[in-house]
C-alpha atoms as a PDB file:
ATOM      1  CA  MET A   1     104.174 107.032 123.244  1.00  0.00           C
ATOM      2  CA  LEU A   2     102.953 110.107 121.405  1.00  0.00           C
ATOM      3  CA  ARG A   3     105.150 113.189 121.481  1.00  0.00           C
ATOM      4  CA  CYS A   4     102.729 116.084 121.783  1.00  0.00           C
ATOM      5  CA  GLY A   5     104.381 119.468 122.178  1.00  0.00           C
ATOM      6  CA  ARG A   6     105.029 120.016 125.896  1.00  0.00           C
ATOM      7  CA  PHE A   7     103.798 116.494 126.715  1.00  0.00           C
ATOM      8  CA  GLU A   8     104.600 112.847 126.105  1.00  0.00           C
ATOM      9  CA  LEU A   9     101.405 110.804 126.137  1.00  0.00           C
ATOM     10  CA  SER A  10     101.368 107.134 127.052  1.00  0.00           C
ATOM     11  CA  LEU A  11      99.093 105.032 124.899  1.00  0.00           C
ATOM     12  CA  ASN A  12      98.758 102.214 127.415  1.00  0.00           C
ATOM     13  CA  ARG A  13      95.061 103.044 127.687  1.00  0.00           C
ATOM     14  CA  PRO A  14      92.619 104.744 125.308  1.00  0.00           C
ATOM     15  CA  LEU A  15      92.817 108.534 125.507  1.00  0.00           C
ATOM     16  CA  VAL A  16      89.882 110.945 125.360  1.00  0.00           C
ATOM     17  CA  MET A  17      90.063 114.135 123.307  1.00  0.00           C
ATOM     18  CA  GLY A  18      87.434 116.672 124.346  1.00  0.00           C
ATOM     19  CA  VAL A  19      85.889 118.861 121.647  1.00  0.00           C
ATOM     20  CA  VAL A  20      85.533 122.626 122.087  1.00  0.00           C
ATOM     21  CA  ASN A  21      83.938 124.343 119.072  1.00  0.00           C
ATOM     22  CA  VAL A  22      84.261 128.125 119.169  1.00  0.00           C
ATOM     23  CA  THR A  23      81.808 128.475 116.289  1.00  0.00           C
ATOM     24  CA  PRO A  24      78.222 129.526 115.597  1.00  0.00           C
ATOM     25  CA  ASP A  25      77.506 126.642 113.222  1.00  0.00           C
ATOM     26  CA  SER A  26      79.203 123.365 114.176  1.00  0.00           C
ATOM     27  CA  PHE A  27      76.847 120.423 113.700  1.00  0.00           C
ATOM     28  CA  SER A  28      76.565 119.403 117.361  1.00  0.00           C
ATOM     29  CA  ASP A  29      77.285 122.352 119.632  1.00  0.00           C
ATOM     30  CA  GLY A  30      77.495 125.335 117.294  1.00  0.00           C
ATOM     31  CA  GLY A  31      76.737 128.560 119.110  1.00  0.00           C
ATOM     32  CA  GLN A  32      76.976 127.082 122.608  1.00  0.00           C
ATOM     33  CA  HIS A  33      80.594 128.190 123.145  1.00  0.00           C
ATOM     34  CA  GLN A  34      81.126 130.809 120.462  1.00  0.00           C
ATOM     35  CA  ASN A  35      82.391 133.481 122.842  1.00  0.00           C
ATOM     36  CA  ALA A  36      85.777 133.033 124.489  1.00  0.00           C
ATOM     37  CA  GLU A  37      84.536 133.015 128.071  1.00  0.00           C
ATOM     38  CA  ALA A  38      82.013 130.231 127.431  1.00  0.00           C
ATOM     39  CA  ALA A  39      84.537 128.194 125.448  1.00  0.00           C
ATOM     40  CA  ILE A  40      87.209 128.498 128.134  1.00  0.00           C
ATOM     41  CA  ALA A  41      84.784 127.522 130.897  1.00  0.00           C
ATOM     42  CA  HIS A  42      83.595 124.522 128.880  1.00  0.00           C
ATOM     43  CA  ALA A  43      87.144 123.410 128.172  1.00  0.00           C
ATOM     44  CA  PHE A  44      88.152 123.505 131.837  1.00  0.00           C
ATOM     45  CA  ALA A  45      84.983 121.568 132.667  1.00  0.00           C
ATOM     46  CA  LEU A  46      86.043 118.888 130.168  1.00  0.00           C
ATOM     47  CA  VAL A  47      89.437 118.660 131.864  1.00  0.00           C
ATOM     48  CA  ASP A  48      87.668 118.177 135.192  1.00  0.00           C
ATOM     49  CA  GLU A  49      85.641 115.381 133.545  1.00  0.00           C
ATOM     50  CA  GLY A  50      88.851 113.626 132.526  1.00  0.00           C
ATOM     51  CA  ALA A  51      89.799 114.894 129.065  1.00  0.00           C
ATOM     52  CA  ASP A  52      93.347 113.871 128.164  1.00  0.00           C
ATOM     53  CA  ILE A  53      93.544 116.363 125.266  1.00  0.00           C
ATOM     54  CA  LEU A  54      91.511 119.441 124.311  1.00  0.00           C
ATOM     55  CA  ASP A  55      90.728 120.048 120.622  1.00  0.00           C
ATOM     56  CA  ILE A  56      89.816 123.658 119.829  1.00  0.00           C
ATOM     57  CA  GLY A  57      88.174 124.589 116.530  1.00  0.00           C
ATOM     58  CA  GLY A  58      87.177 127.956 115.139  1.00  0.00           C
ATOM     59  CA  GLU A  59      85.793 126.864 111.767  1.00  0.00           C
ATOM     60  CA  SER A  60      82.966 124.391 111.265  1.00  0.00           C
ATOM     61  CA  THR A  61      83.811 121.523 108.912  1.00  0.00           C
ATOM     62  CA  ARG A  62      80.358 119.922 109.089  1.00  0.00           C
ATOM     63  CA  PRO A  63      78.855 118.780 105.766  1.00  0.00           C
ATOM     64  CA  GLY A  64      77.844 121.840 103.781  1.00  0.00           C
ATOM     65  CA  ALA A  65      79.911 124.272 105.849  1.00  0.00           C
ATOM     66  CA  GLN A  66      81.332 127.295 104.051  1.00  0.00           C
ATOM     67  CA  GLN A  67      84.925 128.400 104.498  1.00  0.00           C
ATOM     68  CA  ILE A  68      85.630 131.439 106.652  1.00  0.00           C
ATOM     69  CA  SER A  69      88.623 133.783 106.614  1.00  0.00           C
ATOM     70  CA  VAL A  70      91.794 132.974 108.506  1.00  0.00           C
ATOM     71  CA  GLN A  71      91.369 136.238 110.401  1.00  0.00           C
ATOM     72  CA  THR A  72      87.907 135.239 111.623  1.00  0.00           C
ATOM     73  CA  GLU A  73      89.069 131.774 112.626  1.00  0.00           C
ATOM     74  CA  TRP A  74      92.065 133.079 114.559  1.00  0.00           C
ATOM     75  CA  LYS A  75      90.058 135.826 116.271  1.00  0.00           C
ATOM     76  CA  ARG A  76      87.675 133.175 117.589  1.00  0.00           C
ATOM     77  CA  ILE A  77      90.275 130.803 118.999  1.00  0.00           C
ATOM     78  CA  ALA A  78      93.280 132.937 120.031  1.00  0.00           C
ATOM     79  CA  PRO A  79      91.999 134.016 123.479  1.00  0.00           C
ATOM     80  CA  VAL A  80      90.752 130.492 124.153  1.00  0.00           C
ATOM     81  CA  LEU A  81      94.128 128.952 123.338  1.00  0.00           C
ATOM     82  CA  GLU A  82      95.963 131.478 125.497  1.00  0.00           C
ATOM     83  CA  ALA A  83      93.843 130.541 128.505  1.00  0.00           C
ATOM     84  CA  LEU A  84      93.950 126.794 127.914  1.00  0.00           C
ATOM     85  CA  LEU A  85      97.741 126.543 127.795  1.00  0.00           C
ATOM     86  CA  ALA A  86      97.452 126.539 131.587  1.00  0.00           C
ATOM     87  CA  ALA A  87      94.913 123.677 131.626  1.00  0.00           C
ATOM     88  CA  GLY A  88      97.504 120.991 132.336  1.00  0.00           C
ATOM     89  CA  VAL A  89      96.674 118.852 129.276  1.00  0.00           C
ATOM     90  CA  PRO A  90      97.776 119.079 125.626  1.00  0.00           C
ATOM     91  CA  VAL A  91      95.957 121.652 123.531  1.00  0.00           C
ATOM     92  CA  SER A  92      95.133 120.770 119.920  1.00  0.00           C
ATOM     93  CA  VAL A  93      93.951 123.136 117.213  1.00  0.00           C
ATOM     94  CA  ASP A  94      91.493 121.795 114.656  1.00  0.00           C
ATOM     95  CA  THR A  95      92.370 123.779 111.529  1.00  0.00           C
ATOM     96  CA  ARG A  96      93.093 123.290 107.845  1.00  0.00           C
ATOM     97  CA  HIS A  97      94.810 126.639 107.302  1.00  0.00           C
ATOM     98  CA  ALA A  98      98.585 127.017 107.377  1.00  0.00           C
ATOM     99  CA  GLU A  99      98.536 130.543 108.775  1.00  0.00           C
ATOM    100  CA  VAL A 100      96.369 129.481 111.721  1.00  0.00           C
ATOM    101  CA  MET A 101      98.745 126.565 112.305  1.00  0.00           C
ATOM    102  CA  ARG A 102     101.733 128.944 112.408  1.00  0.00           C
ATOM    103  CA  LEU A 103     100.030 131.343 114.797  1.00  0.00           C
ATOM    104  CA  ALA A 104      98.870 128.551 117.092  1.00  0.00           C
ATOM    105  CA  LEU A 105     102.273 126.862 117.184  1.00  0.00           C
ATOM    106  CA  ALA A 106     103.962 130.199 117.920  1.00  0.00           C
ATOM    107  CA  LEU A 107     101.574 130.570 120.840  1.00  0.00           C
ATOM    108  CA  GLY A 108     102.636 127.154 122.164  1.00  0.00           C
ATOM    109  CA  VAL A 109      99.881 124.656 121.282  1.00  0.00           C
ATOM    110  CA  ASP A 110     100.747 120.968 121.366  1.00  0.00           C
ATOM    111  CA  MET A 111      98.916 119.432 118.395  1.00  0.00           C
ATOM    112  CA  ILE A 112      97.595 120.339 114.985  1.00  0.00           C
ATOM    113  CA  ASN A 113      94.527 118.389 113.825  1.00  0.00           C
ATOM    114  CA  ASP A 114      94.142 118.903 110.054  1.00  0.00           C
ATOM    115  CA  VAL A 115      90.983 117.551 108.409  1.00  0.00           C
ATOM    116  CA  GLN A 116      92.759 117.871 105.043  1.00  0.00           C
ATOM    117  CA  GLY A 117      95.643 115.650 106.114  1.00  0.00           C
ATOM    118  CA  PHE A 118      98.376 118.253 105.494  1.00  0.00           C
ATOM    119  CA  ARG A 119      97.818 118.101 101.741  1.00  0.00           C
ATOM    120  CA  ASP A 120      98.656 121.809 101.475  1.00  0.00           C
ATOM    121  CA  PRO A 121     102.448 122.214 101.131  1.00  0.00           C
ATOM    122  CA  GLU A 122     102.190 125.417 103.163  1.00  0.00           C
ATOM    123  CA  SER A 123     100.690 123.431 106.026  1.00  0.00           C
ATOM    124  CA  ILE A 124     103.634 121.050 106.021  1.00  0.00           C
ATOM    125  CA  GLY A 125     105.947 124.054 106.053  1.00  0.00           C
ATOM    126  CA  ALA A 126     104.064 125.473 109.032  1.00  0.00           C
ATOM    127  CA  VAL A 127     104.483 122.336 111.159  1.00  0.00           C
ATOM    128  CA  ALA A 128     107.910 121.082 110.052  1.00  0.00           C
ATOM    129  CA  GLY A 129     110.605 121.522 112.671  1.00  0.00           C
ATOM    130  CA  THR A 130     108.172 121.714 115.597  1.00  0.00           C
ATOM    131  CA  GLN A 131     107.560 119.252 118.424  1.00  0.00           C
ATOM    132  CA  ALA A 132     103.789 119.288 117.927  1.00  0.00           C
ATOM    133  CA  ALA A 133     101.790 116.130 117.351  1.00  0.00           C
ATOM    134  CA  LEU A 134     100.120 116.052 113.940  1.00  0.00           C
ATOM    135  CA  CYS A 135      96.791 114.355 113.299  1.00  0.00           C
ATOM    136  CA  VAL A 136      96.471 113.373 109.633  1.00  0.00           C
ATOM    137  CA  MET A 137      92.814 112.967 108.669  1.00  0.00           C
ATOM    138  CA  HIS A 138      91.215 111.681 105.479  1.00  0.00           C
ATOM    139  CA  MET A 139      88.511 113.767 103.856  1.00  0.00           C
ATOM    140  CA  ARG A 140      87.072 113.320 100.362  1.00  0.00           C
ATOM    141  CA  GLY A 141      86.544 116.755  98.788  1.00  0.00           C
ATOM    142  CA  GLU A 142      85.699 119.878 100.798  1.00  0.00           C
ATOM    143  CA  PRO A 143      83.255 120.335 103.696  1.00  0.00           C
ATOM    144  CA  ALA A 144      80.841 122.241 101.474  1.00  0.00           C
ATOM    145  CA  THR A 145      80.515 119.325  99.024  1.00  0.00           C
ATOM    146  CA  MET A 146      81.987 116.225 100.663  1.00  0.00           C
ATOM    147  CA  GLN A 147      78.666 114.479 101.324  1.00  0.00           C
ATOM    148  CA  GLN A 148      77.344 114.889  97.787  1.00  0.00           C
ATOM    149  CA  ALA A 149      77.253 111.226  96.718  1.00  0.00           C
ATOM    150  CA  PRO A 150      80.753 110.087  97.779  1.00  0.00           C
ATOM    151  CA  VAL A 151      81.851 106.928  95.957  1.00  0.00           C
ATOM    152  CA  TYR A 152      84.787 104.566  96.593  1.00  0.00           C
ATOM    153  CA  ARG A 153      85.824 101.329  94.940  1.00  0.00           C
ATOM    154  CA  ASP A 154      87.251 100.153  98.296  1.00  0.00           C
ATOM    155  CA  VAL A 155      86.939 102.747 101.053  1.00  0.00           C
ATOM    156  CA  VAL A 156      89.317 101.005 103.479  1.00  0.00           C
ATOM    157  CA  ALA A 157      92.041 100.516 100.886  1.00  0.00           C
ATOM    158  CA  GLU A 158      91.698 104.076  99.590  1.00  0.00           C
ATOM    159  CA  VAL A 159      91.731 105.694 103.023  1.00  0.00           C
ATOM    160  CA  ARG A 160      94.657 103.522 104.102  1.00  0.00           C
ATOM    161  CA  SER A 161      96.590 104.422 100.947  1.00  0.00           C
ATOM    162  CA  PHE A 162      95.951 108.141 101.450  1.00  0.00           C
ATOM    163  CA  LEU A 163      97.051 108.048 105.083  1.00  0.00           C
ATOM    164  CA  ALA A 164     100.163 106.014 104.259  1.00  0.00           C
ATOM    165  CA  ALA A 165     101.169 108.524 101.605  1.00  0.00           C
ATOM    166  CA  ARG A 166     100.639 111.488 103.923  1.00  0.00           C
ATOM    167  CA  LEU A 167     102.667 109.820 106.689  1.00  0.00           C
ATOM    168  CA  ALA A 168     105.491 109.154 104.240  1.00  0.00           C
ATOM    169  CA  GLU A 169     105.435 112.772 103.054  1.00  0.00           C
ATOM    170  CA  LEU A 170     105.569 114.119 106.596  1.00  0.00           C
ATOM    171  CA  ARG A 171     108.314 111.698 107.632  1.00  0.00           C
ATOM    172  CA  GLY A 172     110.236 112.773 104.551  1.00  0.00           C
ATOM    173  CA  ARG A 173     110.049 116.360 105.806  1.00  0.00           C
ATOM    174  CA  GLY A 174     111.781 115.365 109.030  1.00  0.00           C
ATOM    175  CA  ILE A 175     108.753 114.891 111.258  1.00  0.00           C
ATOM    176  CA  ALA A 176     109.332 112.077 113.740  1.00  0.00           C
ATOM    177  CA  ARG A 177     107.225 108.925 113.756  1.00  0.00           C
ATOM    178  CA  ASP A 178     106.180 109.509 117.373  1.00  0.00           C
ATOM    179  CA  GLN A 179     104.633 112.889 116.474  1.00  0.00           C
ATOM    180  CA  LEU A 180     102.158 111.425 113.992  1.00  0.00           C
ATOM    181  CA  LEU A 181      98.668 109.983 114.326  1.00  0.00           C
ATOM    182  CA  VAL A 182      95.951 109.210 111.794  1.00  0.00           C
ATOM    183  CA  ASP A 183      92.183 109.662 111.600  1.00  0.00           C
ATOM    184  CA  PRO A 184      90.010 107.856 108.997  1.00  0.00           C
ATOM    185  CA  GLY A 185      87.636 110.832 108.900  1.00  0.00           C
ATOM    186  CA  ILE A 186      84.326 109.247 109.853  1.00  0.00           C
ATOM    187  CA  GLY A 187      81.563 111.286 108.206  1.00  0.00           C
ATOM    188  CA  PHE A 188      83.925 113.299 106.012  1.00  0.00           C
ATOM    189  CA  GLY A 189      82.955 112.338 102.478  1.00  0.00           C
ATOM    190  CA  LYS A 190      81.645 108.863 103.390  1.00  0.00           C
ATOM    191  CA  THR A 191      78.353 107.021 103.344  1.00  0.00           C
ATOM    192  CA  LEU A 192      77.007 105.173 106.367  1.00  0.00           C
ATOM    193  CA  GLU A 193      78.352 101.872 105.042  1.00  0.00           C
ATOM    194  CA  ASP A 194      81.744 103.489 104.363  1.00  0.00           C
ATOM    195  CA  ASN A 195      81.867 104.683 107.965  1.00  0.00           C
ATOM    196  CA  LEU A 196      80.955 101.268 109.318  1.00  0.00           C
ATOM    197  CA  ARG A 197      83.572  99.535 107.179  1.00  0.00           C
ATOM    198  CA  LEU A 198      86.266 101.926 108.372  1.00  0.00           C
ATOM    199  CA  LEU A 199      85.330 101.351 111.996  1.00  0.00           C
ATOM    200  CA  ARG A 200      85.356  97.585 111.487  1.00  0.00           C
ATOM    201  CA  GLU A 201      88.839  97.854 109.946  1.00  0.00           C
ATOM    202  CA  THR A 202      90.390 100.259 112.454  1.00  0.00           C
ATOM    203  CA  ARG A 203      93.086  97.715 113.237  1.00  0.00           C
ATOM    204  CA  SER A 204      94.282  97.733 109.625  1.00  0.00           C
ATOM    205  CA  LEU A 205      94.808 101.487 109.891  1.00  0.00           C
ATOM    206  CA  ALA A 206      96.763 101.045 113.126  1.00  0.00           C
ATOM    207  CA  GLU A 207      99.104  98.796 111.162  1.00  0.00           C
ATOM    208  CA  LEU A 208     100.345 101.922 109.354  1.00  0.00           C
ATOM    209  CA  GLY A 209     102.520 102.492 112.430  1.00  0.00           C
ATOM    210  CA  ALA A 210     100.766 105.545 113.870  1.00  0.00           C
ATOM    211  CA  PRO A 211      98.126 105.751 116.615  1.00  0.00           C
ATOM    212  CA  VAL A 212      94.574 105.965 115.289  1.00  0.00           C
ATOM    213  CA  LEU A 213      92.195 108.718 116.413  1.00  0.00           C
ATOM    214  CA  VAL A 214      88.492 108.114 115.770  1.00  0.00           C
ATOM    215  CA  GLY A 215      85.634 110.592 116.072  1.00  0.00           C
ATOM    216  CA  VAL A 216      82.050 109.348 115.899  1.00  0.00           C
ATOM    217  CA  SER A 217      80.577 111.446 118.705  1.00  0.00           C
ATOM    218  CA  ARG A 218      77.009 112.610 117.924  1.00  0.00           C
ATOM    219  CA  LYS A 219      77.606 112.278 114.171  1.00  0.00           C
ATOM    220  CA  SER A 220      74.907 111.681 111.607  1.00  0.00           C
ATOM    221  CA  MET A 221      75.845 108.000 111.333  1.00  0.00           C
ATOM    222  CA  ILE A 222      74.707 107.592 114.951  1.00  0.00           C
ATOM    223  CA  GLY A 223      71.412 109.229 114.039  1.00  0.00           C
ATOM    224  CA  GLN A 224      71.034 107.064 110.944  1.00  0.00           C
ATOM    225  CA  LEU A 225      71.573 103.894 112.943  1.00  0.00           C
ATOM    226  CA  THR A 226      69.452 104.786 115.968  1.00  0.00           C
ATOM    227  CA  GLY A 227      66.890 107.237 114.623  1.00  0.00           C
ATOM    228  CA  ARG A 228      67.893 109.685 117.376  1.00  0.00           C
ATOM    229  CA  ASP A 229      68.371 113.421 117.033  1.00  0.00           C
ATOM    230  CA  LEU A 230      71.479 115.140 118.420  1.00  0.00           C
ATOM    231  CA  ALA A 231      70.160 115.248 121.973  1.00  0.00           C
ATOM    232  CA  GLY A 232      69.617 111.486 121.992  1.00  0.00           C
ATOM    233  CA  ARG A 233      72.924 110.252 120.555  1.00  0.00           C
ATOM    234  CA  LEU A 234      74.967 109.719 123.727  1.00  0.00           C
ATOM    235  CA  ALA A 235      74.433 105.955 124.001  1.00  0.00           C
ATOM    236  CA  GLY A 236      75.172 105.434 120.319  1.00  0.00           C
ATOM    237  CA  SER A 237      78.272 107.616 120.559  1.00  0.00           C
ATOM    238  CA  LEU A 238      79.576 105.603 123.512  1.00  0.00           C
ATOM    239  CA  ALA A 239      78.982 102.363 121.618  1.00  0.00           C
ATOM    240  CA  GLY A 240      80.894 103.769 118.646  1.00  0.00           C
ATOM    241  CA  ALA A 241      83.816 104.825 120.824  1.00  0.00           C
ATOM    242  CA  LEU A 242      84.013 101.394 122.471  1.00  0.00           C
ATOM    243  CA  ALA A 243      83.801  99.651 119.100  1.00  0.00           C
ATOM    244  CA  ALA A 244      86.688 101.784 117.835  1.00  0.00           C
ATOM    245  CA  VAL A 245      89.021 101.166 120.770  1.00  0.00           C
ATOM    246  CA  ALA A 246      88.182  97.455 120.753  1.00  0.00           C
ATOM    247  CA  ARG A 247      89.551  97.449 117.203  1.00  0.00           C
ATOM    248  CA  GLY A 248      92.733  99.349 117.969  1.00  0.00           C
ATOM    249  CA  ALA A 249      91.899 103.074 118.185  1.00  0.00           C
ATOM    250  CA  ALA A 250      94.220 104.864 120.600  1.00  0.00           C
ATOM    251  CA  ILE A 251      92.271 108.120 120.957  1.00  0.00           C
ATOM    252  CA  VAL A 252      88.570 108.957 120.690  1.00  0.00           C
ATOM    253  CA  ARG A 253      87.421 112.504 119.962  1.00  0.00           C
ATOM    254  CA  VAL A 254      84.199 113.211 121.863  1.00  0.00           C
ATOM    255  CA  HIS A 255      81.796 115.833 123.146  1.00  0.00           C
ATOM    256  CA  ASP A 256      80.697 113.898 126.251  1.00  0.00           C
ATOM    257  CA  VAL A 257      83.952 113.386 128.121  1.00  0.00           C
ATOM    258  CA  ALA A 258      82.746 112.140 131.521  1.00  0.00           C
ATOM    259  CA  ALA A 259      80.447 109.486 130.080  1.00  0.00           C
ATOM    260  CA  THR A 260      83.106 108.345 127.621  1.00  0.00           C
ATOM    261  CA  ARG A 261      85.761 108.086 130.343  1.00  0.00           C
ATOM    262  CA  ASP A 262      83.421 105.986 132.471  1.00  0.00           C
ATOM    263  CA  ALA A 263      82.606 103.667 129.573  1.00  0.00           C
ATOM    264  CA  LEU A 264      86.263 103.270 128.621  1.00  0.00           C
ATOM    265  CA  THR A 265      87.337 102.702 132.223  1.00  0.00           C
ATOM    266  CA  VAL A 266      84.953  99.775 132.583  1.00  0.00           C
ATOM    267  CA  TRP A 267      85.777  98.383 129.149  1.00  0.00           C
ATOM    268  CA  HIS A 268      89.520  98.650 129.709  1.00  0.00           C
ATOM    269  CA  ALA A 269      89.302  96.975 133.114  1.00  0.00           C
ATOM    270  CA  VAL A 270      87.495  94.010 131.581  1.00  0.00           C
ATOM    271  CA  ALA A 271      89.465  93.704 128.347  1.00  0.00           C
ATOM    272  CA  GLN A 272      92.928  95.159 128.806  1.00  0.00           C
ATOM    273  CA  GLU A 273      94.445  92.409 126.704  1.00  0.00           C
ATOM    274  CA  ALA A 274      92.289  93.477 123.754  1.00  0.00           C
ATOM    275  CA  PHE A 275      93.741  96.984 123.635  1.00  0.00           C
ATOM    276  CA  THR A 276      96.515  96.976 121.057  1.00  0.00           C
ATOM    277  CA  ALA A 277      96.993 100.632 120.196  1.00  0.00           C
ATOM    278  CA  VAL A 278     100.332 101.522 118.659  1.00  0.00           C
ATOM    279  CA  ASP A 279     102.907 102.465 121.308  1.00  0.00           C
ATOM    280  CA  SER A 280     106.662 102.731 121.370  1.00  0.00           C
END
């Protein structure tokens, strides 16, 4: 079970997190939902398609992205969050800024998804004492520079060590085990081979004692493997999601919710015994 703000989520089946980017420059859908009305309509459509969680972002963290002000980020997402609290599913905010976390939690959101893994002490202060779920992600460097020749001695060991340390820090600040989940950060300061190794070893990350969230939807690794541009990456994204849950991922973060739900429904019906996501 994952405690997630107003909700308690069973992890007896893989969950689907639907992505809503309220940005002009996100790698996949930047500009498509950058006004509040379009973003809200898209989010409710994702719920109709079967999204278990909505993840709302107001700042692009694609490779090469430049940081924006907290004021700009909050102005983009605040009206969207207000509307989506009535959507009937948990609402997550994808942010790396403590002030945005505080504002979103005061509004009543259910999850904070931090690409920096709550490395900022102010971010830990913003989330401590709340009932929100916290997604701890690994990222090497900053979005603006993270893909400039990333190098690891052992990417799985290093990512696992980072996530373990962040979980310990958060637990030490009084955050309950059932509020925490981890994300290896596919595409965030990793080469193609790094990404593939992390996906192959998803189960070792699940052994940290927190559910694993994986996001490969439409990412450049799918393009590298298939030769497809963004418009042609659905099949590869579905294959990546299935590969992740087959190796223990509890949640997949995706753009194409309906197709992913269909793929997971069939997979889960055939191989229920193979699904070993962390639950309690």
